[in-house]
Amino acid sequence: MLKALSGFFLLVTGFCLAEIEGAMPIGIEAVTGYRTESIHRGFHLADDVFDFQLETGIALNNDWSANFGAWHATGTGEGNDFAEVSGFVDLRYDSQSYSAGWLLGYRDFSGSRFKDGWETGPFFTWRVNEEWDLNLEWLYDEGAEAYYGKAELEWSAALNDKSFITVTGGLSMVDDYYERNGWNDAAARLSYTYLIASNVSLTPFVGASIGLDGNADDYVYSGIWFEVTF
């Protein structure tokens, strides 16, 4: 189902681009990457995961934008049959100091304890200053029939005119989410981005998830992204 849904998102995006070409600013981002382990919301999904993501945003006016995205991930470790095909759309309002909006997405899993389903809910970002952001989200996951929330701080600083580092850290909370309740995990990630060209970048990263629920384990992973923007 999600393969068709991903096609639908890309079709809608292409249609919108054709309709408003030359009238509104458009951005397209393509990312492919590898990670030693895929950790999703404090859960281990697979080892040796390759993924590809495509996202575009359309400015509706000076304050509002609509964003569409789709991605595919595959586990390539020994005995691994994990795969995910997903897509989302969100509507957001941007001001100088904050962004807020609503997300609607669908995830299709195979070879995983996670169940297919829609997820939806609000998100909010407060731009504390040029280096610090506070990100909040609260989603209802139809597959899990439960809620997932996250609060995350993000710090980013330029090293020179071609590279920068980003550090994120946060806590997640769940309500009867795959047998977990209350505090779920504490997660952190450090990434270094090098601009190969103005629209091409390479980003190696390391991350960790520390389980706060009695059923949660601890994980450390690493990986790399290759990103092209249009």
N, C-alpha and C. Protein backbone atom coordinates (compact mmCIF):
# COMPACT_ATOMS: atom_id res chain seq x y z
N MET A 1 0.82 -1.21 0.00
CA MET A 1 0.00 0.00 0.00
C MET A 1 0.85 1.26 0.00
N LEU A 2 1.94 1.24 0.83
CA LEU A 2 2.74 2.45 0.95
C LEU A 2 3.53 2.75 -0.30
N LYS A 3 3.87 1.74 -1.09
CA LYS A 3 4.55 2.02 -2.35
C LYS A 3 3.65 2.87 -3.23
N ALA A 4 2.36 2.51 -3.24
CA ALA A 4 1.41 3.31 -4.00
C ALA A 4 1.26 4.69 -3.38
N LEU A 5 1.26 4.75 -2.03
CA LEU A 5 1.11 6.03 -1.35
C LEU A 5 2.31 6.92 -1.62
N SER A 6 3.53 6.35 -1.60
CA SER A 6 4.70 7.15 -1.90
C SER A 6 4.63 7.71 -3.31
N GLY A 7 4.16 6.87 -4.24
CA GLY A 7 3.98 7.34 -5.60
C GLY A 7 2.97 8.47 -5.67
N PHE A 8 1.93 8.36 -4.85
CA PHE A 8 0.90 9.39 -4.80
C PHE A 8 1.49 10.71 -4.33
N PHE A 9 2.30 10.66 -3.25
CA PHE A 9 2.91 11.88 -2.74
C PHE A 9 3.78 12.53 -3.81
N LEU A 10 4.58 11.72 -4.50
CA LEU A 10 5.46 12.27 -5.51
C LEU A 10 4.67 12.82 -6.69
N LEU A 11 3.56 12.15 -7.04
CA LEU A 11 2.71 12.61 -8.12
C LEU A 11 2.07 13.94 -7.77
N VAL A 12 1.54 14.02 -6.53
CA VAL A 12 0.92 15.28 -6.09
C VAL A 12 1.96 16.39 -6.09
N THR A 13 3.17 16.08 -5.59
CA THR A 13 4.22 17.08 -5.55
C THR A 13 4.55 17.58 -6.94
N GLY A 14 4.73 16.63 -7.88
CA GLY A 14 5.04 17.00 -9.24
C GLY A 14 3.96 17.86 -9.86
N PHE A 15 2.69 17.52 -9.59
CA PHE A 15 1.56 18.28 -10.11
C PHE A 15 1.58 19.70 -9.56
N CYS A 16 1.82 19.81 -8.25
CA CYS A 16 1.87 21.13 -7.62
C CYS A 16 3.01 21.97 -8.20
N LEU A 17 4.18 21.32 -8.40
CA LEU A 17 5.30 22.06 -8.94
C LEU A 17 4.98 22.59 -10.32
N ALA A 18 4.32 21.77 -11.12
CA ALA A 18 3.97 22.19 -12.47
C ALA A 18 2.98 23.33 -12.44
N GLU A 19 2.03 23.28 -11.50
CA GLU A 19 0.99 24.29 -11.44
C GLU A 19 1.52 25.66 -11.01
N ILE A 20 2.50 25.66 -10.09
CA ILE A 20 2.91 26.94 -9.53
C ILE A 20 4.33 27.34 -9.95
N GLU A 21 4.88 26.67 -10.93
CA GLU A 21 6.24 26.96 -11.36
C GLU A 21 6.36 28.44 -11.72
N GLY A 22 7.38 29.05 -11.19
CA GLY A 22 7.60 30.45 -11.47
C GLY A 22 6.80 31.39 -10.60
N ALA A 23 5.88 30.86 -9.78
CA ALA A 23 5.02 31.72 -8.96
C ALA A 23 5.41 31.69 -7.51
N MET A 24 5.91 30.54 -7.00
CA MET A 24 6.25 30.41 -5.58
C MET A 24 7.61 29.74 -5.44
N PRO A 25 8.33 30.04 -4.38
CA PRO A 25 9.62 29.38 -4.17
C PRO A 25 9.45 27.90 -3.86
N ILE A 26 10.33 27.07 -4.45
CA ILE A 26 10.23 25.61 -4.30
C ILE A 26 11.60 25.07 -3.90
N GLY A 27 11.65 24.08 -3.02
CA GLY A 27 12.89 23.43 -2.65
C GLY A 27 12.69 21.93 -2.68
N ILE A 28 13.69 21.22 -3.25
CA ILE A 28 13.66 19.75 -3.30
C ILE A 28 14.94 19.24 -2.69
N GLU A 29 14.83 18.27 -1.80
CA GLU A 29 15.98 17.71 -1.11
C GLU A 29 15.97 16.20 -1.28
N ALA A 30 17.09 15.65 -1.73
CA ALA A 30 17.25 14.20 -1.87
C ALA A 30 18.40 13.75 -0.98
N VAL A 31 18.16 12.73 -0.16
CA VAL A 31 19.17 12.24 0.78
C VAL A 31 19.25 10.73 0.69
N THR A 32 20.46 10.22 0.58
CA THR A 32 20.67 8.78 0.69
C THR A 32 21.68 8.55 1.80
N GLY A 33 21.52 7.45 2.53
CA GLY A 33 22.41 7.26 3.67
C GLY A 33 22.53 5.82 4.11
N TYR A 34 23.47 5.62 5.02
CA TYR A 34 23.72 4.30 5.63
C TYR A 34 23.88 4.50 7.13
N ARG A 35 23.36 3.56 7.92
CA ARG A 35 23.59 3.57 9.36
C ARG A 35 23.81 2.15 9.85
N THR A 36 24.67 2.02 10.85
CA THR A 36 25.01 0.69 11.37
C THR A 36 23.80 0.03 12.02
N GLU A 37 22.95 0.84 12.65
CA GLU A 37 21.70 0.35 13.23
C GLU A 37 20.62 1.41 13.01
N SER A 38 19.41 0.96 12.74
CA SER A 38 18.29 1.88 12.64
C SER A 38 17.54 1.87 13.96
N ILE A 39 17.58 3.00 14.68
CA ILE A 39 16.89 3.13 15.96
C ILE A 39 15.75 4.12 15.76
N HIS A 40 14.53 3.64 15.92
CA HIS A 40 13.35 4.46 15.69
C HIS A 40 12.56 4.58 16.98
N ARG A 41 12.53 5.80 17.54
CA ARG A 41 11.77 6.06 18.77
C ARG A 41 12.21 5.14 19.92
N GLY A 42 13.52 4.88 19.98
CA GLY A 42 14.06 4.06 21.04
C GLY A 42 13.98 2.57 20.80
N PHE A 43 13.49 2.15 19.63
CA PHE A 43 13.37 0.73 19.28
C PHE A 43 14.38 0.39 18.18
N HIS A 44 14.99 -0.78 18.30
CA HIS A 44 15.91 -1.27 17.28
C HIS A 44 15.11 -1.91 16.15
N LEU A 45 15.29 -1.39 14.93
CA LEU A 45 14.56 -1.94 13.78
C LEU A 45 15.39 -2.91 12.96
N ALA A 46 16.67 -2.56 12.72
CA ALA A 46 17.48 -3.42 11.85
C ALA A 46 18.94 -2.97 11.91
N ASP A 47 19.83 -3.84 11.39
CA ASP A 47 21.25 -3.52 11.26
C ASP A 47 21.59 -3.23 9.81
N ASP A 48 22.66 -2.45 9.62
CA ASP A 48 23.16 -2.15 8.27
C ASP A 48 22.04 -1.68 7.35
N VAL A 49 21.51 -0.52 7.65
CA VAL A 49 20.33 0.00 6.94
C VAL A 49 20.74 1.07 5.94
N PHE A 50 20.29 0.92 4.70
CA PHE A 50 20.42 1.94 3.67
C PHE A 50 19.05 2.56 3.45
N ASP A 51 19.03 3.89 3.28
CA ASP A 51 17.74 4.53 3.01
C ASP A 51 17.89 5.64 1.98
N PHE A 52 16.76 6.00 1.40
CA PHE A 52 16.69 7.10 0.44
C PHE A 52 15.47 7.93 0.77
N GLN A 53 15.64 9.26 0.82
CA GLN A 53 14.55 10.16 1.16
C GLN A 53 14.44 11.26 0.12
N LEU A 54 13.22 11.67 -0.13
CA LEU A 54 12.95 12.77 -1.05
C LEU A 54 11.91 13.66 -0.40
N GLU A 55 12.21 14.96 -0.33
CA GLU A 55 11.29 15.90 0.32
C GLU A 55 11.24 17.20 -0.45
N THR A 56 10.07 17.80 -0.50
CA THR A 56 9.91 19.10 -1.13
C THR A 56 8.99 19.97 -0.29
N GLY A 57 9.24 21.27 -0.31
CA GLY A 57 8.39 22.21 0.39
C GLY A 57 7.88 23.28 -0.55
N ILE A 58 6.63 23.65 -0.39
CA ILE A 58 6.01 24.65 -1.25
C ILE A 58 5.53 25.80 -0.38
N ALA A 59 6.01 27.01 -0.66
CA ALA A 59 5.56 28.19 0.08
C ALA A 59 4.18 28.60 -0.42
N LEU A 60 3.22 28.65 0.49
CA LEU A 60 1.86 29.05 0.12
C LEU A 60 1.72 30.58 0.17
N ASN A 61 2.41 31.19 1.11
CA ASN A 61 2.53 32.65 1.18
C ASN A 61 3.76 32.96 2.03
N ASN A 62 3.86 34.16 2.59
CA ASN A 62 5.04 34.51 3.36
C ASN A 62 5.17 33.75 4.67
N ASP A 63 4.07 33.20 5.17
CA ASP A 63 4.08 32.55 6.49
C ASP A 63 3.80 31.06 6.45
N TRP A 64 3.00 30.59 5.51
CA TRP A 64 2.54 29.21 5.47
C TRP A 64 3.23 28.42 4.36
N SER A 65 3.50 27.14 4.65
CA SER A 65 4.08 26.25 3.64
C SER A 65 3.52 24.85 3.81
N ALA A 66 3.53 24.09 2.73
CA ALA A 66 3.16 22.67 2.74
C ALA A 66 4.39 21.87 2.35
N ASN A 67 4.62 20.76 3.05
CA ASN A 67 5.80 19.94 2.81
C ASN A 67 5.40 18.49 2.58
N PHE A 68 6.06 17.86 1.61
CA PHE A 68 5.77 16.48 1.25
C PHE A 68 7.07 15.69 1.29
N GLY A 69 6.99 14.44 1.69
CA GLY A 69 8.18 13.62 1.69
C GLY A 69 7.86 12.14 1.58
N ALA A 70 8.84 11.37 1.12
CA ALA A 70 8.71 9.91 1.04
C ALA A 70 10.09 9.31 1.21
N TRP A 71 10.17 8.11 1.79
CA TRP A 71 11.46 7.46 1.94
C TRP A 71 11.32 5.95 1.93
N HIS A 72 12.43 5.31 1.63
CA HIS A 72 12.49 3.85 1.60
C HIS A 72 13.76 3.41 2.31
N ALA A 73 13.64 2.46 3.22
CA ALA A 73 14.79 1.96 3.98
C ALA A 73 14.81 0.44 3.91
N THR A 74 16.03 -0.12 3.83
CA THR A 74 16.19 -1.57 3.74
C THR A 74 17.32 -2.02 4.65
N GLY A 75 17.08 -3.05 5.45
CA GLY A 75 18.13 -3.64 6.27
C GLY A 75 18.90 -4.66 5.47
N THR A 76 20.22 -4.58 5.49
CA THR A 76 21.04 -5.47 4.67
C THR A 76 21.90 -6.42 5.50
N GLY A 77 21.73 -6.39 6.84
CA GLY A 77 22.52 -7.29 7.69
C GLY A 77 22.13 -8.74 7.47
N GLU A 78 22.96 -9.65 7.92
CA GLU A 78 22.74 -11.09 7.73
C GLU A 78 21.40 -11.50 8.36
N GLY A 79 20.58 -12.19 7.58
CA GLY A 79 19.27 -12.64 8.04
C GLY A 79 18.27 -11.52 8.23
N ASN A 80 18.54 -10.36 7.64
CA ASN A 80 17.70 -9.18 7.84
C ASN A 80 16.67 -9.07 6.71
N ASP A 81 15.38 -9.02 7.06
CA ASP A 81 14.36 -8.83 6.04
C ASP A 81 13.57 -7.54 6.29
N PHE A 82 14.19 -6.61 7.03
CA PHE A 82 13.51 -5.35 7.34
C PHE A 82 13.41 -4.45 6.12
N ALA A 83 12.27 -3.80 5.97
CA ALA A 83 12.08 -2.77 4.95
C ALA A 83 10.99 -1.82 5.42
N GLU A 84 11.11 -0.57 5.03
CA GLU A 84 10.11 0.43 5.36
C GLU A 84 9.90 1.34 4.16
N VAL A 85 8.65 1.61 3.83
CA VAL A 85 8.29 2.59 2.82
C VAL A 85 7.28 3.53 3.46
N SER A 86 7.60 4.81 3.47
CA SER A 86 6.76 5.75 4.21
C SER A 86 6.61 7.06 3.46
N GLY A 87 5.62 7.84 3.88
CA GLY A 87 5.40 9.14 3.29
C GLY A 87 4.70 10.05 4.27
N PHE A 88 4.81 11.36 4.05
CA PHE A 88 4.15 12.31 4.95
C PHE A 88 3.81 13.59 4.21
N VAL A 89 2.91 14.35 4.79
CA VAL A 89 2.62 15.71 4.38
C VAL A 89 2.41 16.52 5.64
N ASP A 90 2.91 17.75 5.67
CA ASP A 90 2.63 18.61 6.81
C ASP A 90 2.33 20.03 6.34
N LEU A 91 1.59 20.72 7.17
CA LEU A 91 1.25 22.12 6.95
C LEU A 91 1.84 22.90 8.12
N ARG A 92 2.64 23.95 7.82
CA ARG A 92 3.30 24.66 8.90
C ARG A 92 3.24 26.17 8.73
N TYR A 93 3.28 26.83 9.89
CA TYR A 93 3.34 28.29 9.95
C TYR A 93 4.71 28.68 10.47
N ASP A 94 5.38 29.60 9.79
CA ASP A 94 6.72 30.03 10.19
C ASP A 94 6.72 31.51 10.52
N SER A 95 7.25 31.84 11.68
CA SER A 95 7.52 33.23 12.04
C SER A 95 9.02 33.35 12.30
N GLN A 96 9.46 34.52 12.68
CA GLN A 96 10.89 34.71 12.91
C GLN A 96 11.39 33.90 14.09
N SER A 97 10.56 33.70 15.09
CA SER A 97 11.02 33.04 16.32
C SER A 97 10.50 31.62 16.50
N TYR A 98 9.50 31.19 15.75
CA TYR A 98 8.98 29.84 15.94
C TYR A 98 8.30 29.32 14.67
N SER A 99 8.12 28.00 14.64
CA SER A 99 7.34 27.31 13.61
C SER A 99 6.37 26.37 14.30
N ALA A 100 5.19 26.21 13.72
CA ALA A 100 4.21 25.29 14.29
C ALA A 100 3.39 24.71 13.15
N GLY A 101 2.91 23.48 13.33
CA GLY A 101 2.13 22.87 12.28
C GLY A 101 1.56 21.53 12.68
N TRP A 102 1.05 20.84 11.66
CA TRP A 102 0.41 19.53 11.85
C TRP A 102 0.94 18.56 10.79
N LEU A 103 1.25 17.34 11.23
CA LEU A 103 1.81 16.32 10.34
C LEU A 103 0.83 15.17 10.16
N LEU A 104 0.79 14.65 8.94
CA LEU A 104 0.05 13.42 8.64
C LEU A 104 0.97 12.52 7.83
N GLY A 105 1.19 11.31 8.31
CA GLY A 105 2.08 10.40 7.62
C GLY A 105 1.57 8.97 7.65
N TYR A 106 2.23 8.12 6.87
CA TYR A 106 1.90 6.69 6.87
C TYR A 106 3.20 5.91 6.79
N ARG A 107 3.31 4.84 7.59
CA ARG A 107 4.49 3.99 7.59
C ARG A 107 4.09 2.55 7.29
N ASP A 108 4.82 1.93 6.39
CA ASP A 108 4.59 0.54 5.99
C ASP A 108 5.86 -0.25 6.31
N PHE A 109 5.77 -1.18 7.27
CA PHE A 109 6.92 -1.95 7.72
C PHE A 109 6.81 -3.40 7.29
N SER A 110 7.96 -4.03 7.06
CA SER A 110 8.04 -5.48 6.93
C SER A 110 9.27 -5.95 7.68
N GLY A 111 9.19 -7.15 8.25
CA GLY A 111 10.30 -7.67 9.03
C GLY A 111 10.54 -6.88 10.29
N SER A 112 9.47 -6.35 10.91
CA SER A 112 9.61 -5.52 12.10
C SER A 112 8.42 -5.75 13.02
N ARG A 113 8.61 -5.51 14.32
CA ARG A 113 7.50 -5.59 15.26
C ARG A 113 6.56 -4.40 15.10
N PHE A 114 7.02 -3.34 14.44
CA PHE A 114 6.17 -2.18 14.22
C PHE A 114 5.08 -2.51 13.21
N LYS A 115 3.89 -1.99 13.47
CA LYS A 115 2.74 -2.24 12.61
C LYS A 115 2.51 -1.08 11.66
N ASP A 116 2.00 -1.41 10.48
CA ASP A 116 1.68 -0.37 9.49
C ASP A 116 0.57 0.53 10.04
N GLY A 117 0.58 1.79 9.61
CA GLY A 117 -0.51 2.66 10.02
C GLY A 117 -0.20 4.13 9.83
N TRP A 118 -1.25 4.92 9.98
CA TRP A 118 -1.15 6.37 9.91
C TRP A 118 -0.60 6.92 11.22
N GLU A 119 0.03 8.07 11.16
CA GLU A 119 0.38 8.82 12.35
C GLU A 119 0.11 10.29 12.10
N THR A 120 -0.35 10.98 13.13
CA THR A 120 -0.72 12.38 12.95
C THR A 120 -0.60 13.12 14.27
N GLY A 121 -0.33 14.41 14.18
CA GLY A 121 -0.24 15.22 15.39
C GLY A 121 0.48 16.53 15.16
N PRO A 122 0.53 17.38 16.20
CA PRO A 122 1.15 18.70 16.08
C PRO A 122 2.66 18.66 16.35
N PHE A 123 3.34 19.67 15.82
CA PHE A 123 4.76 19.86 16.11
C PHE A 123 5.03 21.34 16.29
N PHE A 124 6.11 21.65 17.01
CA PHE A 124 6.42 23.05 17.32
C PHE A 124 7.93 23.20 17.44
N THR A 125 8.49 24.27 16.87
CA THR A 125 9.91 24.59 17.00
C THR A 125 10.05 26.03 17.46
N TRP A 126 10.79 26.22 18.54
CA TRP A 126 11.11 27.56 19.04
C TRP A 126 12.57 27.82 18.73
N ARG A 127 12.83 28.85 17.91
CA ARG A 127 14.19 29.24 17.59
C ARG A 127 14.70 30.16 18.69
N VAL A 128 15.39 29.59 19.64
CA VAL A 128 15.85 30.33 20.81
C VAL A 128 16.81 31.45 20.40
N ASN A 129 17.76 31.11 19.53
CA ASN A 129 18.67 32.09 18.93
C ASN A 129 19.23 31.48 17.66
N GLU A 130 20.31 32.04 17.12
CA GLU A 130 20.85 31.55 15.85
C GLU A 130 21.42 30.15 15.97
N GLU A 131 21.76 29.71 17.17
CA GLU A 131 22.40 28.40 17.34
C GLU A 131 21.49 27.35 17.97
N TRP A 132 20.49 27.76 18.75
CA TRP A 132 19.69 26.82 19.52
C TRP A 132 18.24 26.77 19.04
N ASP A 133 17.71 25.54 18.90
CA ASP A 133 16.29 25.31 18.61
C ASP A 133 15.73 24.32 19.63
N LEU A 134 14.48 24.52 19.99
CA LEU A 134 13.75 23.56 20.81
C LEU A 134 12.63 22.97 19.96
N ASN A 135 12.64 21.64 19.79
CA ASN A 135 11.65 20.96 18.95
C ASN A 135 10.74 20.08 19.80
N LEU A 136 9.44 20.20 19.57
CA LEU A 136 8.44 19.39 20.28
C LEU A 136 7.52 18.72 19.28
N GLU A 137 7.10 17.50 19.57
CA GLU A 137 6.09 16.83 18.75
C GLU A 137 5.28 15.86 19.61
N TRP A 138 4.03 15.66 19.21
CA TRP A 138 3.14 14.73 19.92
C TRP A 138 2.27 14.06 18.86
N LEU A 139 2.50 12.77 18.62
CA LEU A 139 1.85 12.07 17.52
C LEU A 139 1.02 10.90 18.02
N TYR A 140 -0.08 10.67 17.33
CA TYR A 140 -0.84 9.44 17.54
C TYR A 140 -0.46 8.46 16.44
N ASP A 141 0.01 7.27 16.83
CA ASP A 141 0.44 6.22 15.90
C ASP A 141 -0.68 5.19 15.81
N GLU A 142 -1.33 5.14 14.65
CA GLU A 142 -2.46 4.22 14.47
C GLU A 142 -2.01 2.76 14.56
N GLY A 143 -0.83 2.45 14.03
CA GLY A 143 -0.35 1.07 14.07
C GLY A 143 -0.16 0.57 15.49
N ALA A 144 0.40 1.43 16.34
CA ALA A 144 0.61 1.06 17.74
C ALA A 144 -0.62 1.32 18.59
N GLU A 145 -1.57 2.08 18.04
CA GLU A 145 -2.76 2.52 18.78
C GLU A 145 -2.34 3.21 20.08
N ALA A 146 -1.37 4.12 19.95
CA ALA A 146 -0.80 4.78 21.13
C ALA A 146 -0.18 6.11 20.72
N TYR A 147 0.18 6.90 21.75
CA TYR A 147 0.78 8.21 21.54
C TYR A 147 2.28 8.17 21.77
N TYR A 148 3.00 9.03 21.02
CA TYR A 148 4.44 9.19 21.17
C TYR A 148 4.75 10.68 21.19
N GLY A 149 5.52 11.14 22.17
CA GLY A 149 5.90 12.55 22.26
C GLY A 149 7.40 12.70 22.45
N LYS A 150 7.93 13.83 21.97
CA LYS A 150 9.37 14.05 22.06
C LYS A 150 9.66 15.53 22.28
N ALA A 151 10.63 15.83 23.13
CA ALA A 151 11.16 17.17 23.32
C ALA A 151 12.66 17.10 23.05
N GLU A 152 13.15 17.98 22.17
CA GLU A 152 14.54 17.86 21.72
C GLU A 152 15.17 19.25 21.58
N LEU A 153 16.38 19.39 22.08
CA LEU A 153 17.18 20.59 21.88
C LEU A 153 18.20 20.33 20.77
N GLU A 154 18.36 21.33 19.90
CA GLU A 154 19.32 21.20 18.80
C GLU A 154 20.25 22.41 18.78
N TRP A 155 21.55 22.14 18.76
CA TRP A 155 22.56 23.18 18.69
C TRP A 155 23.37 22.99 17.42
N SER A 156 23.57 24.07 16.66
CA SER A 156 24.32 24.00 15.41
C SER A 156 25.23 25.21 15.32
N ALA A 157 26.46 25.01 14.85
CA ALA A 157 27.42 26.10 14.72
C ALA A 157 28.34 25.85 13.53
N ALA A 158 28.63 26.93 12.80
CA ALA A 158 29.53 26.84 11.65
C ALA A 158 30.97 26.74 12.12
N LEU A 159 31.75 25.86 11.48
CA LEU A 159 33.18 25.75 11.76
C LEU A 159 33.97 26.65 10.82
N ASN A 160 33.48 26.73 9.58
CA ASN A 160 34.04 27.63 8.57
C ASN A 160 32.97 27.80 7.50
N ASP A 161 33.32 28.32 6.34
CA ASP A 161 32.30 28.57 5.31
C ASP A 161 31.89 27.32 4.55
N LYS A 162 32.49 26.16 4.89
CA LYS A 162 32.14 24.92 4.20
C LYS A 162 31.69 23.79 5.13
N SER A 163 31.68 24.02 6.43
CA SER A 163 31.31 22.93 7.32
C SER A 163 30.68 23.45 8.59
N PHE A 164 29.88 22.60 9.23
CA PHE A 164 29.28 22.93 10.51
C PHE A 164 28.98 21.65 11.27
N ILE A 165 28.78 21.79 12.57
CA ILE A 165 28.42 20.64 13.40
C ILE A 165 27.04 20.87 13.99
N THR A 166 26.35 19.77 14.27
CA THR A 166 25.03 19.82 14.88
C THR A 166 24.96 18.78 15.98
N VAL A 167 24.45 19.19 17.13
CA VAL A 167 24.26 18.29 18.26
C VAL A 167 22.80 18.35 18.67
N THR A 168 22.16 17.20 18.78
CA THR A 168 20.78 17.13 19.24
C THR A 168 20.70 16.21 20.45
N GLY A 169 19.80 16.53 21.35
CA GLY A 169 19.58 15.69 22.51
C GLY A 169 18.17 15.89 23.03
N GLY A 170 17.54 14.82 23.47
CA GLY A 170 16.17 14.98 23.94
C GLY A 170 15.63 13.77 24.66
N LEU A 171 14.39 13.90 25.10
CA LEU A 171 13.68 12.86 25.82
C LEU A 171 12.39 12.54 25.08
N SER A 172 11.97 11.28 25.12
CA SER A 172 10.69 10.89 24.54
C SER A 172 9.81 10.26 25.61
N MET A 173 8.52 10.37 25.37
CA MET A 173 7.52 9.86 26.31
C MET A 173 6.47 9.10 25.51
N VAL A 174 5.94 8.02 26.08
CA VAL A 174 4.96 7.20 25.36
C VAL A 174 3.81 6.82 26.28
N ASP A 175 2.70 6.43 25.65
CA ASP A 175 1.52 5.99 26.38
C ASP A 175 1.08 4.65 25.81
N ASP A 176 1.47 3.55 26.48
CA ASP A 176 1.15 2.19 26.04
C ASP A 176 1.62 1.96 24.61
N TYR A 177 2.88 2.33 24.36
CA TYR A 177 3.48 2.25 23.02
C TYR A 177 4.34 1.00 22.93
N TYR A 178 3.81 -0.06 22.31
CA TYR A 178 4.51 -1.35 22.21
C TYR A 178 5.04 -1.78 23.58
N GLU A 179 4.13 -1.81 24.56
CA GLU A 179 4.39 -2.29 25.91
C GLU A 179 5.28 -1.34 26.73
N ARG A 180 5.43 -0.11 26.28
CA ARG A 180 6.16 0.88 27.05
C ARG A 180 5.21 2.00 27.50
N ASN A 181 5.48 2.53 28.70
CA ASN A 181 4.68 3.62 29.24
C ASN A 181 5.58 4.62 29.95
N GLY A 182 5.20 5.89 29.88
CA GLY A 182 5.96 6.92 30.56
C GLY A 182 7.20 7.32 29.78
N TRP A 183 8.29 7.61 30.52
CA TRP A 183 9.53 7.99 29.85
C TRP A 183 10.05 6.82 29.01
N ASN A 184 10.42 7.11 27.77
CA ASN A 184 10.79 6.07 26.83
C ASN A 184 12.30 5.97 26.65
N ASP A 185 12.93 7.05 26.15
CA ASP A 185 14.38 7.03 25.97
C ASP A 185 14.95 8.44 25.99
N ALA A 186 16.25 8.51 26.24
CA ALA A 186 17.03 9.74 26.09
C ALA A 186 17.94 9.52 24.89
N ALA A 187 17.84 10.41 23.90
CA ALA A 187 18.57 10.20 22.66
C ALA A 187 19.46 11.40 22.37
N ALA A 188 20.59 11.15 21.71
CA ALA A 188 21.51 12.21 21.33
C ALA A 188 22.18 11.84 20.01
N ARG A 189 22.57 12.88 19.25
CA ARG A 189 23.28 12.63 17.99
C ARG A 189 24.24 13.80 17.71
N LEU A 190 25.42 13.47 17.25
CA LEU A 190 26.42 14.45 16.84
C LEU A 190 26.71 14.23 15.36
N SER A 191 26.60 15.30 14.57
CA SER A 191 26.86 15.18 13.14
C SER A 191 27.78 16.31 12.67
N TYR A 192 28.55 16.00 11.64
CA TYR A 192 29.45 16.97 11.01
C TYR A 192 29.10 17.05 9.53
N THR A 193 28.79 18.23 9.04
CA THR A 193 28.38 18.40 7.65
C THR A 193 29.43 19.19 6.89
N TYR A 194 29.86 18.63 5.75
CA TYR A 194 30.82 19.30 4.88
C TYR A 194 30.14 19.58 3.54
N LEU A 195 30.21 20.84 3.11
CA LEU A 195 29.59 21.23 1.84
C LEU A 195 30.57 20.98 0.70
N ILE A 196 30.28 19.96 -0.08
CA ILE A 196 31.10 19.65 -1.25
C ILE A 196 30.89 20.72 -2.31
N ALA A 197 29.65 21.17 -2.44
CA ALA A 197 29.27 22.28 -3.31
C ALA A 197 28.14 23.01 -2.60
N SER A 198 27.65 24.10 -3.19
CA SER A 198 26.62 24.88 -2.52
C SER A 198 25.35 24.08 -2.28
N ASN A 199 25.10 23.05 -3.11
CA ASN A 199 23.88 22.26 -2.97
C ASN A 199 24.16 20.77 -2.73
N VAL A 200 25.40 20.42 -2.40
CA VAL A 200 25.77 19.02 -2.18
C VAL A 200 26.55 18.93 -0.87
N SER A 201 26.16 18.02 0.01
CA SER A 201 26.84 17.90 1.29
C SER A 201 27.01 16.44 1.70
N LEU A 202 27.95 16.21 2.59
CA LEU A 202 28.23 14.89 3.15
C LEU A 202 28.22 15.03 4.66
N THR A 203 27.49 14.14 5.36
CA THR A 203 27.32 14.27 6.80
C THR A 203 27.53 12.94 7.52
N PRO A 204 28.70 12.71 8.10
CA PRO A 204 28.85 11.55 9.00
C PRO A 204 28.26 11.89 10.37
N PHE A 205 27.79 10.88 11.09
CA PHE A 205 27.17 11.13 12.39
C PHE A 205 27.31 9.92 13.30
N VAL A 206 27.19 10.18 14.61
CA VAL A 206 27.12 9.13 15.63
C VAL A 206 25.96 9.48 16.54
N GLY A 207 25.31 8.46 17.08
CA GLY A 207 24.16 8.70 17.93
C GLY A 207 24.01 7.62 18.98
N ALA A 208 23.12 7.89 19.93
CA ALA A 208 22.87 6.93 21.00
C ALA A 208 21.44 7.07 21.48
N SER A 209 20.88 5.97 21.95
CA SER A 209 19.57 5.95 22.58
C SER A 209 19.70 5.20 23.90
N ILE A 210 19.38 5.88 25.00
CA ILE A 210 19.47 5.28 26.33
C ILE A 210 18.06 4.99 26.81
N GLY A 211 17.75 3.72 27.02
CA GLY A 211 16.41 3.33 27.43
C GLY A 211 16.06 3.80 28.82
N LEU A 212 14.88 4.43 28.97
CA LEU A 212 14.39 4.88 30.27
C LEU A 212 13.27 4.00 30.79
N ASP A 213 12.61 3.29 29.89
CA ASP A 213 11.58 2.33 30.26
C ASP A 213 12.25 1.00 30.62
N GLY A 214 11.62 0.24 31.50
CA GLY A 214 12.19 -1.03 31.90
C GLY A 214 12.34 -2.02 30.77
N ASN A 215 11.54 -1.85 29.69
CA ASN A 215 11.61 -2.74 28.53
C ASN A 215 12.54 -2.23 27.45
N ALA A 216 13.19 -1.08 27.67
CA ALA A 216 14.01 -0.45 26.64
C ALA A 216 15.48 -0.76 26.84
N ASP A 217 16.19 -0.96 25.73
CA ASP A 217 17.63 -1.21 25.75
C ASP A 217 18.39 0.05 25.35
N ASP A 218 19.72 -0.01 25.49
CA ASP A 218 20.60 1.08 25.10
C ASP A 218 21.25 0.75 23.75
N TYR A 219 21.43 1.77 22.91
CA TYR A 219 22.02 1.55 21.59
C TYR A 219 22.99 2.68 21.26
N VAL A 220 24.04 2.33 20.51
CA VAL A 220 24.96 3.30 19.93
C VAL A 220 25.09 2.95 18.45
N TYR A 221 25.05 3.96 17.60
CA TYR A 221 25.09 3.71 16.16
C TYR A 221 25.86 4.83 15.47
N SER A 222 26.18 4.62 14.21
CA SER A 222 26.85 5.63 13.40
C SER A 222 26.36 5.50 11.96
N GLY A 223 26.69 6.48 11.15
CA GLY A 223 26.26 6.43 9.76
C GLY A 223 26.73 7.64 8.99
N ILE A 224 26.21 7.77 7.77
CA ILE A 224 26.59 8.89 6.91
C ILE A 224 25.43 9.20 5.97
N TRP A 225 25.21 10.50 5.70
CA TRP A 225 24.22 10.95 4.73
C TRP A 225 24.91 11.66 3.58
N PHE A 226 24.36 11.49 2.38
CA PHE A 226 24.76 12.26 1.21
C PHE A 226 23.53 13.00 0.72
N GLU A 227 23.61 14.32 0.66
CA GLU A 227 22.42 15.14 0.40
C GLU A 227 22.65 16.07 -0.79
N VAL A 228 21.61 16.15 -1.63
CA VAL A 228 21.62 17.08 -2.76
C VAL A 228 20.33 17.90 -2.70
N THR A 229 20.43 19.21 -2.84
CA THR A 229 19.25 20.08 -2.85
C THR A 229 19.15 20.76 -4.20
N PHE A 230 17.90 21.01 -4.60
CA PHE A 230 17.62 21.65 -5.90
C PHE A 230 16.78 22.90 -5.68
